[in-house]
Amino acid sequence: MDLRVAAYAIVIDEDDRILLAHWNEGRRAAWTLPGGGLDPGEDPEKAVRREVREETGFKVSVDELLGVHSRVIPASRRSPEEED
């Protein structure tokens, strides 16, 4: 079994607007919370700051952990790796 641990941010400005990232994978596209997978041994708080910066260009600070969510995605339902 492979395991992927990820951290996502909820970033809200003073007008209560939420920051989203545009996700593209092949022909699929969607809006999502900025975030993504942790590097091996990476602290989740550091990872979420890094991911927000990479995906949006914004530097953020983390105020609090809002929750932990777990789900299993069977291999047959996962997106195939892009071919070179």
N, C-alpha and C. Protein backbone atom coordinates (compact mmCIF):
# COMPACT_ATOMS: atom_id res chain seq x y z
N MET A 1 0.85 -1.19 0.00
CA MET A 1 0.00 0.00 0.00
C MET A 1 0.88 1.23 0.00
N ASP A 2 0.58 2.18 -0.88
CA ASP A 2 1.31 3.43 -0.86
C ASP A 2 0.50 4.45 -0.07
N LEU A 3 1.20 5.35 0.57
CA LEU A 3 0.56 6.33 1.45
C LEU A 3 1.00 7.72 1.01
N ARG A 4 0.05 8.61 0.87
CA ARG A 4 0.35 10.00 0.52
C ARG A 4 -0.22 10.89 1.60
N VAL A 5 0.65 11.64 2.24
CA VAL A 5 0.23 12.60 3.26
C VAL A 5 0.32 13.98 2.64
N ALA A 6 -0.73 14.77 2.81
CA ALA A 6 -0.78 16.09 2.19
C ALA A 6 -1.30 17.13 3.18
N ALA A 7 -1.02 18.38 2.89
CA ALA A 7 -1.50 19.49 3.71
C ALA A 7 -2.08 20.55 2.78
N TYR A 8 -3.26 21.05 3.12
CA TYR A 8 -3.94 22.06 2.33
C TYR A 8 -4.29 23.25 3.20
N ALA A 9 -4.34 24.43 2.59
CA ALA A 9 -4.58 25.66 3.34
C ALA A 9 -5.94 26.25 2.99
N ILE A 10 -6.55 26.85 3.98
CA ILE A 10 -7.72 27.70 3.77
C ILE A 10 -7.24 29.12 4.05
N VAL A 11 -7.13 29.89 2.97
CA VAL A 11 -6.62 31.26 3.06
C VAL A 11 -7.77 32.20 2.73
N ILE A 12 -8.10 33.07 3.69
CA ILE A 12 -9.22 34.01 3.54
C ILE A 12 -8.70 35.43 3.74
N ASP A 13 -9.10 36.34 2.85
CA ASP A 13 -8.66 37.73 2.99
C ASP A 13 -9.65 38.53 3.85
N GLU A 14 -9.38 39.82 3.99
CA GLU A 14 -10.20 40.67 4.86
C GLU A 14 -11.63 40.84 4.35
N ASP A 15 -11.88 40.51 3.09
CA ASP A 15 -13.24 40.57 2.54
C ASP A 15 -13.91 39.20 2.52
N ASP A 16 -13.36 38.24 3.27
CA ASP A 16 -13.87 36.87 3.36
C ASP A 16 -13.87 36.12 2.03
N ARG A 17 -12.93 36.49 1.14
CA ARG A 17 -12.76 35.73 -0.10
C ARG A 17 -11.74 34.63 0.15
N ILE A 18 -11.99 33.46 -0.44
CA ILE A 18 -11.10 32.32 -0.25
C ILE A 18 -10.15 32.18 -1.44
N LEU A 19 -8.91 31.86 -1.15
CA LEU A 19 -7.90 31.69 -2.18
C LEU A 19 -7.96 30.25 -2.71
N LEU A 20 -8.09 30.11 -4.02
CA LEU A 20 -8.11 28.80 -4.65
C LEU A 20 -6.98 28.70 -5.67
N ALA A 21 -6.57 27.48 -5.94
CA ALA A 21 -5.55 27.21 -6.96
C ALA A 21 -6.22 26.49 -8.12
N HIS A 22 -5.79 26.81 -9.34
CA HIS A 22 -6.34 26.14 -10.52
C HIS A 22 -5.50 24.90 -10.79
N TRP A 23 -6.13 23.74 -10.71
CA TRP A 23 -5.47 22.45 -10.85
C TRP A 23 -5.68 21.92 -12.26
N ASN A 24 -4.61 21.52 -12.91
CA ASN A 24 -4.68 20.94 -14.26
C ASN A 24 -3.95 19.61 -14.27
N GLU A 25 -4.61 18.60 -14.77
CA GLU A 25 -3.96 17.31 -14.95
C GLU A 25 -4.47 16.72 -16.25
N GLY A 26 -3.63 16.77 -17.27
CA GLY A 26 -4.07 16.29 -18.58
C GLY A 26 -5.24 17.12 -19.08
N ARG A 27 -6.34 16.44 -19.36
CA ARG A 27 -7.54 17.14 -19.84
C ARG A 27 -8.48 17.52 -18.69
N ARG A 28 -8.09 17.21 -17.48
CA ARG A 28 -8.94 17.52 -16.32
C ARG A 28 -8.45 18.81 -15.65
N ALA A 29 -9.38 19.66 -15.29
CA ALA A 29 -9.04 20.90 -14.59
C ALA A 29 -10.11 21.17 -13.55
N ALA A 30 -9.71 21.82 -12.46
CA ALA A 30 -10.64 22.14 -11.38
C ALA A 30 -10.02 23.21 -10.50
N TRP A 31 -10.84 23.79 -9.65
CA TRP A 31 -10.36 24.72 -8.62
C TRP A 31 -10.25 23.93 -7.32
N THR A 32 -9.19 24.17 -6.56
CA THR A 32 -8.93 23.42 -5.34
C THR A 32 -8.26 24.32 -4.31
N LEU A 33 -8.24 23.87 -3.09
CA LEU A 33 -7.47 24.57 -2.07
C LEU A 33 -5.99 24.42 -2.40
N PRO A 34 -5.19 25.46 -2.15
CA PRO A 34 -3.76 25.31 -2.37
C PRO A 34 -3.17 24.33 -1.36
N GLY A 35 -2.33 23.47 -1.84
CA GLY A 35 -1.71 22.49 -0.96
C GLY A 35 -1.23 21.31 -1.75
N GLY A 36 -0.70 20.32 -1.06
CA GLY A 36 -0.23 19.13 -1.73
C GLY A 36 0.59 18.26 -0.81
N GLY A 37 1.27 17.31 -1.42
CA GLY A 37 1.97 16.28 -0.67
C GLY A 37 3.18 16.78 0.09
N LEU A 38 3.40 16.15 1.23
CA LEU A 38 4.58 16.43 2.04
C LEU A 38 5.78 15.67 1.49
N ASP A 39 6.94 16.29 1.55
CA ASP A 39 8.18 15.59 1.23
C ASP A 39 8.50 14.68 2.42
N PRO A 40 9.25 13.59 2.21
CA PRO A 40 9.56 12.69 3.32
C PRO A 40 10.19 13.44 4.50
N GLY A 41 9.61 13.27 5.68
CA GLY A 41 10.13 13.91 6.89
C GLY A 41 9.78 15.38 7.04
N GLU A 42 9.02 15.95 6.10
CA GLU A 42 8.71 17.38 6.15
C GLU A 42 7.62 17.67 7.17
N ASP A 43 7.77 18.75 7.89
CA ASP A 43 6.77 19.21 8.86
C ASP A 43 5.53 19.70 8.10
N PRO A 44 4.33 19.28 8.52
CA PRO A 44 3.12 19.69 7.79
C PRO A 44 2.94 21.21 7.68
N GLU A 45 3.28 21.95 8.73
CA GLU A 45 3.14 23.41 8.66
C GLU A 45 4.08 24.00 7.62
N LYS A 46 5.31 23.51 7.58
CA LYS A 46 6.26 23.98 6.57
C LYS A 46 5.78 23.59 5.18
N ALA A 47 5.24 22.38 5.05
CA ALA A 47 4.76 21.90 3.75
C ALA A 47 3.63 22.75 3.22
N VAL A 48 2.67 23.11 4.06
CA VAL A 48 1.53 23.89 3.57
C VAL A 48 1.98 25.29 3.17
N ARG A 49 2.91 25.87 3.90
CA ARG A 49 3.43 27.19 3.50
C ARG A 49 4.16 27.08 2.15
N ARG A 50 4.96 26.03 1.98
CA ARG A 50 5.68 25.82 0.72
C ARG A 50 4.71 25.62 -0.44
N GLU A 51 3.70 24.79 -0.24
CA GLU A 51 2.74 24.50 -1.30
C GLU A 51 1.95 25.75 -1.71
N VAL A 52 1.51 26.55 -0.74
CA VAL A 52 0.79 27.78 -1.06
C VAL A 52 1.69 28.70 -1.87
N ARG A 53 2.93 28.83 -1.48
CA ARG A 53 3.88 29.69 -2.21
C ARG A 53 4.09 29.18 -3.64
N GLU A 54 4.28 27.85 -3.79
CA GLU A 54 4.51 27.28 -5.11
C GLU A 54 3.30 27.45 -6.02
N GLU A 55 2.11 27.28 -5.49
CA GLU A 55 0.91 27.27 -6.31
C GLU A 55 0.29 28.64 -6.55
N THR A 56 0.53 29.59 -5.64
CA THR A 56 -0.14 30.89 -5.76
C THR A 56 0.82 32.07 -5.76
N GLY A 57 2.03 31.87 -5.29
CA GLY A 57 2.98 32.98 -5.18
C GLY A 57 2.87 33.75 -3.88
N PHE A 58 1.91 33.41 -3.04
CA PHE A 58 1.71 34.11 -1.77
C PHE A 58 2.49 33.45 -0.63
N LYS A 59 3.05 34.29 0.25
CA LYS A 59 3.65 33.80 1.49
C LYS A 59 2.57 33.87 2.56
N VAL A 60 2.38 32.76 3.31
CA VAL A 60 1.35 32.73 4.34
C VAL A 60 1.93 32.26 5.66
N SER A 61 1.23 32.58 6.73
CA SER A 61 1.55 32.02 8.04
C SER A 61 0.37 31.14 8.44
N VAL A 62 0.65 30.17 9.28
CA VAL A 62 -0.37 29.22 9.71
C VAL A 62 -0.87 29.63 11.09
N ASP A 63 -2.20 29.83 11.20
CA ASP A 63 -2.79 30.21 12.49
C ASP A 63 -3.16 28.98 13.32
N GLU A 64 -3.79 27.99 12.68
CA GLU A 64 -4.23 26.82 13.43
C GLU A 64 -4.53 25.65 12.50
N LEU A 65 -4.53 24.47 13.08
CA LEU A 65 -4.94 23.27 12.38
C LEU A 65 -6.46 23.18 12.46
N LEU A 66 -7.10 23.09 11.31
CA LEU A 66 -8.57 23.04 11.30
C LEU A 66 -9.11 21.62 11.34
N GLY A 67 -8.32 20.65 10.94
CA GLY A 67 -8.82 19.28 10.98
C GLY A 67 -7.90 18.32 10.29
N VAL A 68 -8.23 17.05 10.45
CA VAL A 68 -7.50 15.97 9.80
C VAL A 68 -8.54 15.12 9.10
N HIS A 69 -8.28 14.81 7.84
CA HIS A 69 -9.21 14.02 7.03
C HIS A 69 -8.45 12.86 6.41
N SER A 70 -9.08 11.73 6.36
CA SER A 70 -8.44 10.56 5.78
C SER A 70 -9.39 9.90 4.79
N ARG A 71 -8.85 9.49 3.65
CA ARG A 71 -9.65 8.72 2.72
C ARG A 71 -8.74 7.79 1.93
N VAL A 72 -9.31 6.69 1.51
CA VAL A 72 -8.58 5.71 0.72
C VAL A 72 -9.11 5.78 -0.71
N ILE A 73 -8.21 5.93 -1.66
CA ILE A 73 -8.58 5.94 -3.07
C ILE A 73 -7.98 4.67 -3.69
N PRO A 74 -8.84 3.75 -4.11
CA PRO A 74 -8.32 2.52 -4.72
C PRO A 74 -7.45 2.84 -5.93
N ALA A 75 -6.42 2.04 -6.15
CA ALA A 75 -5.50 2.27 -7.26
C ALA A 75 -6.23 2.39 -8.59
N SER A 76 -7.30 1.65 -8.77
CA SER A 76 -8.04 1.68 -10.03
C SER A 76 -8.73 3.02 -10.29
N ARG A 77 -8.91 3.84 -9.26
CA ARG A 77 -9.59 5.13 -9.41
C ARG A 77 -8.63 6.31 -9.42
N ARG A 78 -7.34 6.07 -9.22
CA ARG A 78 -6.36 7.14 -9.20
C ARG A 78 -6.03 7.58 -10.60
N SER A 79 -5.58 8.83 -10.74
CA SER A 79 -5.18 9.36 -12.05
C SER A 79 -3.90 8.65 -12.49
N PRO A 80 -3.84 8.25 -13.74
CA PRO A 80 -2.60 7.63 -14.22
C PRO A 80 -1.49 8.67 -14.30
N GLU A 81 -0.26 8.22 -14.14
CA GLU A 81 0.89 9.12 -14.26
C GLU A 81 0.98 9.59 -15.71
N GLU A 82 1.35 10.84 -15.89
CA GLU A 82 1.50 11.36 -17.25
C GLU A 82 2.69 10.69 -17.90
N GLU A 83 2.53 10.33 -19.16
CA GLU A 83 3.62 9.70 -19.89
C GLU A 83 4.48 10.77 -20.53
N ASP A 84 5.79 10.49 -20.58
CA ASP A 84 6.72 11.45 -21.21
C ASP A 84 6.63 11.39 -22.70
